Amino acid sequence: MASNSRKNTKKRPPATELKKPRRNQLTALGVTEVDYKDVHLLRTFISERGKIRSRRITGLTPQQQRQVATAIKNAREMALLPVVGPA
């Protein structure tokens, strides 16, 4: 009969130790309103494929994420940013 001994008995560290501190780029830059004409700022929230990065990646608040998404969509409409289309 095989014994039920476990080889790895170490516990994982708590999730609070694994989390990195959130970095909010807009607050760090002192931006209160996101403008669709500020293409340099908006490019930091777009992936190399042209997709809008999620809140989990950017570390923005929900309100800031909505402002960024709306500004990116407006900039795409005005042809300031590339539009993502079928490949």
PDB file of N, CA and C in Angstrom:
ATOM      1  N   MET A   1       0.822  -1.172   0.000  1.00  0.00           N
ATOM      2  CA  MET A   1       0.000   0.000   0.000  1.00  0.00           C
ATOM      3  C   MET A   1       0.878   1.252   0.000  1.00  0.00           C
ATOM      4  N   ALA A   2       0.425   2.243  -0.732  1.00  0.00           N
ATOM      5  CA  ALA A   2       1.166   3.492  -0.821  1.00  0.00           C
ATOM      6  C   ALA A   2       0.830   4.373   0.376  1.00  0.00           C
ATOM      7  N   SER A   3       1.825   5.059   0.863  1.00  0.00           N
ATOM      8  CA  SER A   3       1.592   5.952   1.992  1.00  0.00           C
ATOM      9  C   SER A   3       1.095   7.303   1.473  1.00  0.00           C
ATOM     10  N   ASN A   4       0.354   7.971   2.283  1.00  0.00           N
ATOM     11  CA  ASN A   4      -0.214   9.266   1.902  1.00  0.00           C
ATOM     12  C   ASN A   4       0.636  10.418   2.431  1.00  0.00           C
ATOM     13  N   SER A   5       1.921  10.302   2.324  1.00  0.00           N
ATOM     14  CA  SER A   5       2.780  11.389   2.804  1.00  0.00           C
ATOM     15  C   SER A   5       2.863  12.469   1.731  1.00  0.00           C
ATOM     16  N   ARG A   6       2.783  13.681   2.169  1.00  0.00           N
ATOM     17  CA  ARG A   6       2.869  14.807   1.242  1.00  0.00           C
ATOM     18  C   ARG A   6       4.294  15.330   1.241  1.00  0.00           C
ATOM     19  N   LYS A   7       4.790  15.577   0.063  1.00  0.00           N
ATOM     20  CA  LYS A   7       6.165  16.033  -0.050  1.00  0.00           C
ATOM     21  C   LYS A   7       6.291  17.528   0.232  1.00  0.00           C
ATOM     22  N   ASN A   8       5.343  18.306  -0.234  1.00  0.00           N
ATOM     23  CA  ASN A   8       5.409  19.751  -0.067  1.00  0.00           C
ATOM     24  C   ASN A   8       4.411  20.162   1.007  1.00  0.00           C
ATOM     25  N   THR A   9       4.888  20.387   2.208  1.00  0.00           N
ATOM     26  CA  THR A   9       3.992  20.746   3.310  1.00  0.00           C
ATOM     27  C   THR A   9       4.063  22.228   3.647  1.00  0.00           C
ATOM     28  N   LYS A  10       4.822  23.004   2.880  1.00  0.00           N
ATOM     29  CA  LYS A  10       4.925  24.436   3.149  1.00  0.00           C
ATOM     30  C   LYS A  10       3.638  25.140   2.737  1.00  0.00           C
ATOM     31  N   LYS A  11       3.251  26.110   3.530  1.00  0.00           N
ATOM     32  CA  LYS A  11       2.050  26.887   3.222  1.00  0.00           C
ATOM     33  C   LYS A  11       2.406  28.044   2.311  1.00  0.00           C
ATOM     34  N   ARG A  12       1.463  28.420   1.486  1.00  0.00           N
ATOM     35  CA  ARG A  12       1.651  29.594   0.641  1.00  0.00           C
ATOM     36  C   ARG A  12       1.574  30.838   1.507  1.00  0.00           C
ATOM     37  N   PRO A  13       2.293  31.879   1.145  1.00  0.00           N
ATOM     38  CA  PRO A  13       2.161  33.130   1.903  1.00  0.00           C
ATOM     39  C   PRO A  13       0.773  33.728   1.675  1.00  0.00           C
ATOM     40  N   PRO A  14       0.278  34.484   2.633  1.00  0.00           N
ATOM     41  CA  PRO A  14      -1.047  35.096   2.450  1.00  0.00           C
ATOM     42  C   PRO A  14      -1.082  35.990   1.215  1.00  0.00           C
ATOM     43  N   ALA A  15      -2.269  36.154   0.673  1.00  0.00           N
ATOM     44  CA  ALA A  15      -2.427  36.928  -0.562  1.00  0.00           C
ATOM     45  C   ALA A  15      -1.999  38.380  -0.378  1.00  0.00           C
ATOM     46  N   THR A  16      -2.084  38.881   0.844  1.00  0.00           N
ATOM     47  CA  THR A  16      -1.692  40.272   1.075  1.00  0.00           C
ATOM     48  C   THR A  16      -0.195  40.469   0.866  1.00  0.00           C
ATOM     49  N   GLU A  17       0.588  39.427   1.082  1.00  0.00           N
ATOM     50  CA  GLU A  17       2.028  39.538   0.870  1.00  0.00           C
ATOM     51  C   GLU A  17       2.391  39.446  -0.609  1.00  0.00           C
ATOM     52  N   LEU A  18       1.542  38.818  -1.405  1.00  0.00           N
ATOM     53  CA  LEU A  18       1.835  38.627  -2.816  1.00  0.00           C
ATOM     54  C   LEU A  18       1.455  39.831  -3.668  1.00  0.00           C
ATOM     55  N   LYS A  19       0.493  40.631  -3.202  1.00  0.00           N
ATOM     56  CA  LYS A  19      -0.008  41.740  -4.010  1.00  0.00           C
ATOM     57  C   LYS A  19       1.007  42.870  -4.082  1.00  0.00           C
ATOM     58  N   LYS A  20       1.139  43.435  -5.273  1.00  0.00           N
ATOM     59  CA  LYS A  20       1.975  44.613  -5.450  1.00  0.00           C
ATOM     60  C   LYS A  20       1.119  45.842  -5.160  1.00  0.00           C
ATOM     61  N   PRO A  21       1.721  46.903  -4.695  1.00  0.00           N
ATOM     62  CA  PRO A  21       0.920  48.110  -4.468  1.00  0.00           C
ATOM     63  C   PRO A  21       0.400  48.670  -5.789  1.00  0.00           C
ATOM     64  N   ARG A  22      -0.847  49.118  -5.774  1.00  0.00           N
ATOM     65  CA  ARG A  22      -1.458  49.668  -6.984  1.00  0.00           C
ATOM     66  C   ARG A  22      -0.780  50.977  -7.357  1.00  0.00           C
ATOM     67  N   ARG A  23      -0.545  51.135  -8.635  1.00  0.00           N
ATOM     68  CA  ARG A  23       0.015  52.388  -9.103  1.00  0.00           C
ATOM     69  C   ARG A  23      -0.996  53.020 -10.052  1.00  0.00           C
ATOM     70  N   ASN A  24      -1.414  54.190  -9.729  1.00  0.00           N
ATOM     71  CA  ASN A  24      -2.390  54.900 -10.535  1.00  0.00           C
ATOM     72  C   ASN A  24      -1.644  55.952 -11.345  1.00  0.00           C
ATOM     73  N   GLN A  25      -1.540  55.728 -12.643  1.00  0.00           N
ATOM     74  CA  GLN A  25      -0.749  56.608 -13.502  1.00  0.00           C
ATOM     75  C   GLN A  25      -1.351  57.999 -13.608  1.00  0.00           C
ATOM     76  N   LEU A  26      -2.670  58.094 -13.648  1.00  0.00           N
ATOM     77  CA  LEU A  26      -3.302  59.405 -13.797  1.00  0.00           C
ATOM     78  C   LEU A  26      -3.096  60.256 -12.550  1.00  0.00           C
ATOM     79  N   THR A  27      -3.223  59.651 -11.374  1.00  0.00           N
ATOM     80  CA  THR A  27      -3.007  60.392 -10.141  1.00  0.00           C
ATOM     81  C   THR A  27      -1.548  60.800 -10.010  1.00  0.00           C
ATOM     82  N   ALA A  28      -0.633  59.917 -10.412  1.00  0.00           N
ATOM     83  CA  ALA A  28       0.796  60.229 -10.333  1.00  0.00           C
ATOM     84  C   ALA A  28       1.154  61.400 -11.246  1.00  0.00           C
ATOM     85  N   LEU A  29       0.489  61.491 -12.395  1.00  0.00           N
ATOM     86  CA  LEU A  29       0.753  62.586 -13.331  1.00  0.00           C
ATOM     87  C   LEU A  29      -0.029  63.853 -12.990  1.00  0.00           C
ATOM     88  N   GLY A  30      -0.979  63.742 -12.055  1.00  0.00           N
ATOM     89  CA  GLY A  30      -1.781  64.897 -11.677  1.00  0.00           C
ATOM     90  C   GLY A  30      -2.894  65.204 -12.657  1.00  0.00           C
ATOM     91  N   VAL A  31      -3.337  64.217 -13.422  1.00  0.00           N
ATOM     92  CA  VAL A  31      -4.394  64.410 -14.418  1.00  0.00           C
ATOM     93  C   VAL A  31      -5.748  64.218 -13.738  1.00  0.00           C
ATOM     94  N   THR A  32      -6.626  65.215 -13.856  1.00  0.00           N
ATOM     95  CA  THR A  32      -7.966  65.092 -13.287  1.00  0.00           C
ATOM     96  C   THR A  32      -8.993  64.766 -14.364  1.00  0.00           C
ATOM     97  N   GLU A  33      -8.851  65.355 -15.531  1.00  0.00           N
ATOM     98  CA  GLU A  33      -9.748  65.085 -16.655  1.00  0.00           C
ATOM     99  C   GLU A  33      -8.942  64.511 -17.807  1.00  0.00           C
ATOM    100  N   VAL A  34      -9.447  63.441 -18.400  1.00  0.00           N
ATOM    101  CA  VAL A  34      -8.769  62.810 -19.530  1.00  0.00           C
ATOM    102  C   VAL A  34      -9.322  63.425 -20.810  1.00  0.00           C
ATOM    103  N   ASP A  35      -8.434  63.930 -21.655  1.00  0.00           N
ATOM    104  CA  ASP A  35      -8.836  64.587 -22.891  1.00  0.00           C
ATOM    105  C   ASP A  35      -8.495  63.688 -24.074  1.00  0.00           C
ATOM    106  N   TYR A  36      -9.404  63.583 -25.030  1.00  0.00           N
ATOM    107  CA  TYR A  36      -9.170  62.718 -26.187  1.00  0.00           C
ATOM    108  C   TYR A  36      -8.052  63.244 -27.080  1.00  0.00           C
ATOM    109  N   LYS A  37      -7.702  64.520 -26.944  1.00  0.00           N
ATOM    110  CA  LYS A  37      -6.645  65.104 -27.776  1.00  0.00           C
ATOM    111  C   LYS A  37      -5.245  64.811 -27.240  1.00  0.00           C
ATOM    112  N   ASP A  38      -5.155  64.326 -26.003  1.00  0.00           N
ATOM    113  CA  ASP A  38      -3.864  63.991 -25.397  1.00  0.00           C
ATOM    114  C   ASP A  38      -3.491  62.563 -25.805  1.00  0.00           C
ATOM    115  N   VAL A  39      -3.036  62.422 -27.034  1.00  0.00           N
ATOM    116  CA  VAL A  39      -2.772  61.105 -27.622  1.00  0.00           C
ATOM    117  C   VAL A  39      -1.607  60.415 -26.919  1.00  0.00           C
ATOM    118  N   HIS A  40      -0.616  61.186 -26.497  1.00  0.00           N
ATOM    119  CA  HIS A  40       0.553  60.595 -25.831  1.00  0.00           C
ATOM    120  C   HIS A  40       0.131  59.884 -24.540  1.00  0.00           C
ATOM    121  N   LEU A  41      -0.763  60.495 -23.774  1.00  0.00           N
ATOM    122  CA  LEU A  41      -1.263  59.878 -22.545  1.00  0.00           C
ATOM    123  C   LEU A  41      -2.121  58.657 -22.857  1.00  0.00           C
ATOM    124  N   LEU A  42      -2.982  58.764 -23.867  1.00  0.00           N
ATOM    125  CA  LEU A  42      -3.891  57.663 -24.188  1.00  0.00           C
ATOM    126  C   LEU A  42      -3.147  56.434 -24.701  1.00  0.00           C
ATOM    127  N   ARG A  43      -2.019  56.632 -25.363  1.00  0.00           N
ATOM    128  CA  ARG A  43      -1.254  55.493 -25.878  1.00  0.00           C
ATOM    129  C   ARG A  43      -0.718  54.605 -24.761  1.00  0.00           C
ATOM    130  N   THR A  44      -0.558  55.152 -23.551  1.00  0.00           N
ATOM    131  CA  THR A  44      -0.084  54.331 -22.435  1.00  0.00           C
ATOM    132  C   THR A  44      -1.150  53.346 -21.970  1.00  0.00           C
ATOM    133  N   PHE A  45      -2.410  53.582 -22.329  1.00  0.00           N
ATOM    134  CA  PHE A  45      -3.507  52.708 -21.921  1.00  0.00           C
ATOM    135  C   PHE A  45      -3.979  51.804 -23.056  1.00  0.00           C
ATOM    136  N   ILE A  46      -3.204  51.731 -24.132  1.00  0.00           N
ATOM    137  CA  ILE A  46      -3.548  50.897 -25.280  1.00  0.00           C
ATOM    138  C   ILE A  46      -2.452  49.861 -25.467  1.00  0.00           C
ATOM    139  N   SER A  47      -2.845  48.623 -25.753  1.00  0.00           N
ATOM    140  CA  SER A  47      -1.865  47.563 -25.979  1.00  0.00           C
ATOM    141  C   SER A  47      -1.216  47.734 -27.347  1.00  0.00           C
ATOM    142  N   GLU A  48      -0.201  46.929 -27.620  1.00  0.00           N
ATOM    143  CA  GLU A  48       0.485  47.022 -28.912  1.00  0.00           C
ATOM    144  C   GLU A  48      -0.429  46.611 -30.062  1.00  0.00           C
ATOM    145  N   ARG A  49      -1.492  45.892 -29.767  1.00  0.00           N
ATOM    146  CA  ARG A  49      -2.470  45.523 -30.793  1.00  0.00           C
ATOM    147  C   ARG A  49      -3.575  46.559 -30.942  1.00  0.00           C
ATOM    148  N   GLY A  50      -3.546  47.598 -30.120  1.00  0.00           N
ATOM    149  CA  GLY A  50      -4.532  48.663 -30.231  1.00  0.00           C
ATOM    150  C   GLY A  50      -5.745  48.491 -29.346  1.00  0.00           C
ATOM    151  N   LYS A  51      -5.711  47.535 -28.429  1.00  0.00           N
ATOM    152  CA  LYS A  51      -6.853  47.302 -27.548  1.00  0.00           C
ATOM    153  C   LYS A  51      -6.697  48.110 -26.260  1.00  0.00           C
ATOM    154  N   ILE A  52      -7.834  48.471 -25.669  1.00  0.00           N
ATOM    155  CA  ILE A  52      -7.822  49.212 -24.411  1.00  0.00           C
ATOM    156  C   ILE A  52      -7.441  48.245 -23.295  1.00  0.00           C
ATOM    157  N   ARG A  53      -6.455  48.638 -22.495  1.00  0.00           N
ATOM    158  CA  ARG A  53      -6.010  47.787 -21.388  1.00  0.00           C
ATOM    159  C   ARG A  53      -7.043  47.812 -20.263  1.00  0.00           C
ATOM    160  N   SER A  54      -7.143  46.705 -19.534  1.00  0.00           N
ATOM    161  CA  SER A  54      -8.136  46.577 -18.474  1.00  0.00           C
ATOM    162  C   SER A  54      -7.682  47.302 -17.209  1.00  0.00           C
ATOM    163  N   ARG A  55      -8.613  47.480 -16.298  1.00  0.00           N
ATOM    164  CA  ARG A  55      -8.315  48.125 -15.022  1.00  0.00           C
ATOM    165  C   ARG A  55      -7.296  47.333 -14.227  1.00  0.00           C
ATOM    166  N   ARG A  56      -7.366  46.038 -14.340  1.00  0.00           N
ATOM    167  CA  ARG A  56      -6.440  45.183 -13.599  1.00  0.00           C
ATOM    168  C   ARG A  56      -4.997  45.462 -14.014  1.00  0.00           C
ATOM    169  N   ILE A  57      -4.802  45.781 -15.284  1.00  0.00           N
ATOM    170  CA  ILE A  57      -3.461  46.068 -15.794  1.00  0.00           C
ATOM    171  C   ILE A  57      -3.066  47.517 -15.499  1.00  0.00           C
ATOM    172  N   THR A  58      -3.977  48.458 -15.732  1.00  0.00           N
ATOM    173  CA  THR A  58      -3.633  49.876 -15.604  1.00  0.00           C
ATOM    174  C   THR A  58      -3.647  50.366 -14.163  1.00  0.00           C
ATOM    175  N   GLY A  59      -4.456  49.746 -13.308  1.00  0.00           N
ATOM    176  CA  GLY A  59      -4.533  50.176 -11.917  1.00  0.00           C
ATOM    177  C   GLY A  59      -5.364  51.426 -11.708  1.00  0.00           C
ATOM    178  N   LEU A  60      -6.237  51.742 -12.651  1.00  0.00           N
ATOM    179  CA  LEU A  60      -7.073  52.934 -12.537  1.00  0.00           C
ATOM    180  C   LEU A  60      -8.310  52.651 -11.696  1.00  0.00           C
ATOM    181  N   THR A  61      -8.951  53.719 -11.234  1.00  0.00           N
ATOM    182  CA  THR A  61     -10.229  53.578 -10.555  1.00  0.00           C
ATOM    183  C   THR A  61     -11.308  53.348 -11.615  1.00  0.00           C
ATOM    184  N   PRO A  62     -12.479  52.851 -11.227  1.00  0.00           N
ATOM    185  CA  PRO A  62     -13.533  52.631 -12.231  1.00  0.00           C
ATOM    186  C   PRO A  62     -13.914  53.898 -12.996  1.00  0.00           C
ATOM    187  N   GLN A  63     -13.998  55.019 -12.300  1.00  0.00           N
ATOM    188  CA  GLN A  63     -14.359  56.273 -12.968  1.00  0.00           C
ATOM    189  C   GLN A  63     -13.273  56.685 -13.961  1.00  0.00           C
ATOM    190  N   GLN A  64     -12.021  56.561 -13.570  1.00  0.00           N
ATOM    191  CA  GLN A  64     -10.922  56.917 -14.466  1.00  0.00           C
ATOM    192  C   GLN A  64     -10.878  55.985 -15.666  1.00  0.00           C
ATOM    193  N   GLN A  65     -11.159  54.695 -15.446  1.00  0.00           N
ATOM    194  CA  GLN A  65     -11.147  53.739 -16.552  1.00  0.00           C
ATOM    195  C   GLN A  65     -12.221  54.088 -17.572  1.00  0.00           C
ATOM    196  N   ARG A  66     -13.400  54.505 -17.096  1.00  0.00           N
ATOM    197  CA  ARG A  66     -14.467  54.912 -18.018  1.00  0.00           C
ATOM    198  C   ARG A  66     -14.063  56.154 -18.801  1.00  0.00           C
ATOM    199  N   GLN A  67     -13.432  57.114 -18.128  1.00  0.00           N
ATOM    200  CA  GLN A  67     -12.979  58.329 -18.811  1.00  0.00           C
ATOM    201  C   GLN A  67     -11.941  58.002 -19.875  1.00  0.00           C
ATOM    202  N   VAL A  68     -11.003  57.122 -19.542  1.00  0.00           N
ATOM    203  CA  VAL A  68      -9.956  56.744 -20.494  1.00  0.00           C
ATOM    204  C   VAL A  68     -10.568  56.017 -21.683  1.00  0.00           C
ATOM    205  N   ALA A  69     -11.490  55.085 -21.419  1.00  0.00           N
ATOM    206  CA  ALA A  69     -12.111  54.325 -22.505  1.00  0.00           C
ATOM    207  C   ALA A  69     -12.893  55.252 -23.435  1.00  0.00           C
ATOM    208  N   THR A  70     -13.643  56.186 -22.867  1.00  0.00           N
ATOM    209  CA  THR A  70     -14.406  57.134 -23.681  1.00  0.00           C
ATOM    210  C   THR A  70     -13.476  58.026 -24.493  1.00  0.00           C
ATOM    211  N   ALA A  71     -12.390  58.479 -23.872  1.00  0.00           N
ATOM    212  CA  ALA A  71     -11.435  59.339 -24.580  1.00  0.00           C
ATOM    213  C   ALA A  71     -10.759  58.583 -25.718  1.00  0.00           C
ATOM    214  N   ILE A  72     -10.427  57.315 -25.495  1.00  0.00           N
ATOM    215  CA  ILE A  72      -9.800  56.508 -26.551  1.00  0.00           C
ATOM    216  C   ILE A  72     -10.774  56.316 -27.708  1.00  0.00           C
ATOM    217  N   LYS A  73     -12.030  56.050 -27.389  1.00  0.00           N
ATOM    218  CA  LYS A  73     -13.030  55.860 -28.444  1.00  0.00           C
ATOM    219  C   LYS A  73     -13.250  57.150 -29.237  1.00  0.00           C
ATOM    220  N   ASN A  74     -13.249  58.286 -28.542  1.00  0.00           N
ATOM    221  CA  ASN A  74     -13.388  59.568 -29.241  1.00  0.00           C
ATOM    222  C   ASN A  74     -12.171  59.846 -30.117  1.00  0.00           C
ATOM    223  N   ALA A  75     -10.988  59.538 -29.612  1.00  0.00           N
ATOM    224  CA  ALA A  75      -9.762  59.761 -30.388  1.00  0.00           C
ATOM    225  C   ALA A  75      -9.730  58.861 -31.616  1.00  0.00           C
ATOM    226  N   ARG A  76     -10.246  57.653 -31.494  1.00  0.00           N
ATOM    227  CA  ARG A  76     -10.326  56.758 -32.656  1.00  0.00           C
ATOM    228  C   ARG A  76     -11.296  57.322 -33.689  1.00  0.00           C
ATOM    229  N   GLU A  77     -12.403  57.865 -33.211  1.00  0.00           N
ATOM    230  CA  GLU A  77     -13.405  58.442 -34.112  1.00  0.00           C
ATOM    231  C   GLU A  77     -12.840  59.645 -34.867  1.00  0.00           C
ATOM    232  N   MET A  78     -11.972  60.399 -34.202  1.00  0.00           N
ATOM    233  CA  MET A  78     -11.350  61.574 -34.819  1.00  0.00           C
ATOM    234  C   MET A  78     -10.077  61.216 -35.575  1.00  0.00           C
ATOM    235  N   ALA A  79      -9.759  59.937 -35.680  1.00  0.00           N
ATOM    236  CA  ALA A  79      -8.588  59.416 -36.403  1.00  0.00           C
ATOM    237  C   ALA A  79      -7.267  59.873 -35.783  1.00  0.00           C
ATOM    238  N   LEU A  80      -7.266  60.086 -34.465  1.00  0.00           N
ATOM    239  CA  LEU A  80      -6.024  60.402 -33.768  1.00  0.00           C
ATOM    240  C   LEU A  80      -5.311  59.130 -33.310  1.00  0.00           C
ATOM    241  N   LEU A  81      -6.093  58.062 -33.134  1.00  0.00           N
ATOM    242  CA  LEU A  81      -5.556  56.757 -32.744  1.00  0.00           C
ATOM    243  C   LEU A  81      -6.034  55.716 -33.748  1.00  0.00           C
ATOM    244  N   PRO A  82      -5.283  54.631 -33.912  1.00  0.00           N
ATOM    245  CA  PRO A  82      -5.723  53.596 -34.852  1.00  0.00           C
ATOM    246  C   PRO A  82      -6.942  52.845 -34.329  1.00  0.00           C
ATOM    247  N   VAL A  83      -7.782  52.429 -35.249  1.00  0.00           N
ATOM    248  CA  VAL A  83      -8.980  51.668 -34.918  1.00  0.00           C
ATOM    249  C   VAL A  83      -8.654  50.189 -35.026  1.00  0.00           C
ATOM    250  N   VAL A  84      -9.088  49.413 -34.032  1.00  0.00           N
ATOM    251  CA  VAL A  84      -8.868  47.973 -34.061  1.00  0.00           C
ATOM    252  C   VAL A  84      -9.960  47.355 -34.921  1.00  0.00           C
ATOM    253  N   GLY A  85      -9.564  46.571 -35.893  1.00  0.00           N
ATOM    254  CA  GLY A  85     -10.522  45.926 -36.774  1.00  0.00           C
ATOM    255  C   GLY A  85     -10.200  44.461 -36.937  1.00  0.00           C
ATOM    256  N   PRO A  86     -11.012  43.743 -37.712  1.00  0.00           N
ATOM    257  CA  PRO A  86     -10.718  42.328 -37.940  1.00  0.00           C
ATOM    258  C   PRO A  86      -9.393  42.166 -38.675  1.00  0.00           C
ATOM    259  N   ALA A  87      -8.659  41.154 -38.259  1.00  0.00           N
ATOM    260  CA  ALA A  87      -7.313  40.954 -38.826  1.00  0.00           C
ATOM    261  C   ALA A  87      -7.317  40.416 -40.207  1.00  0.00           C
TER     262      ALA A  87
END
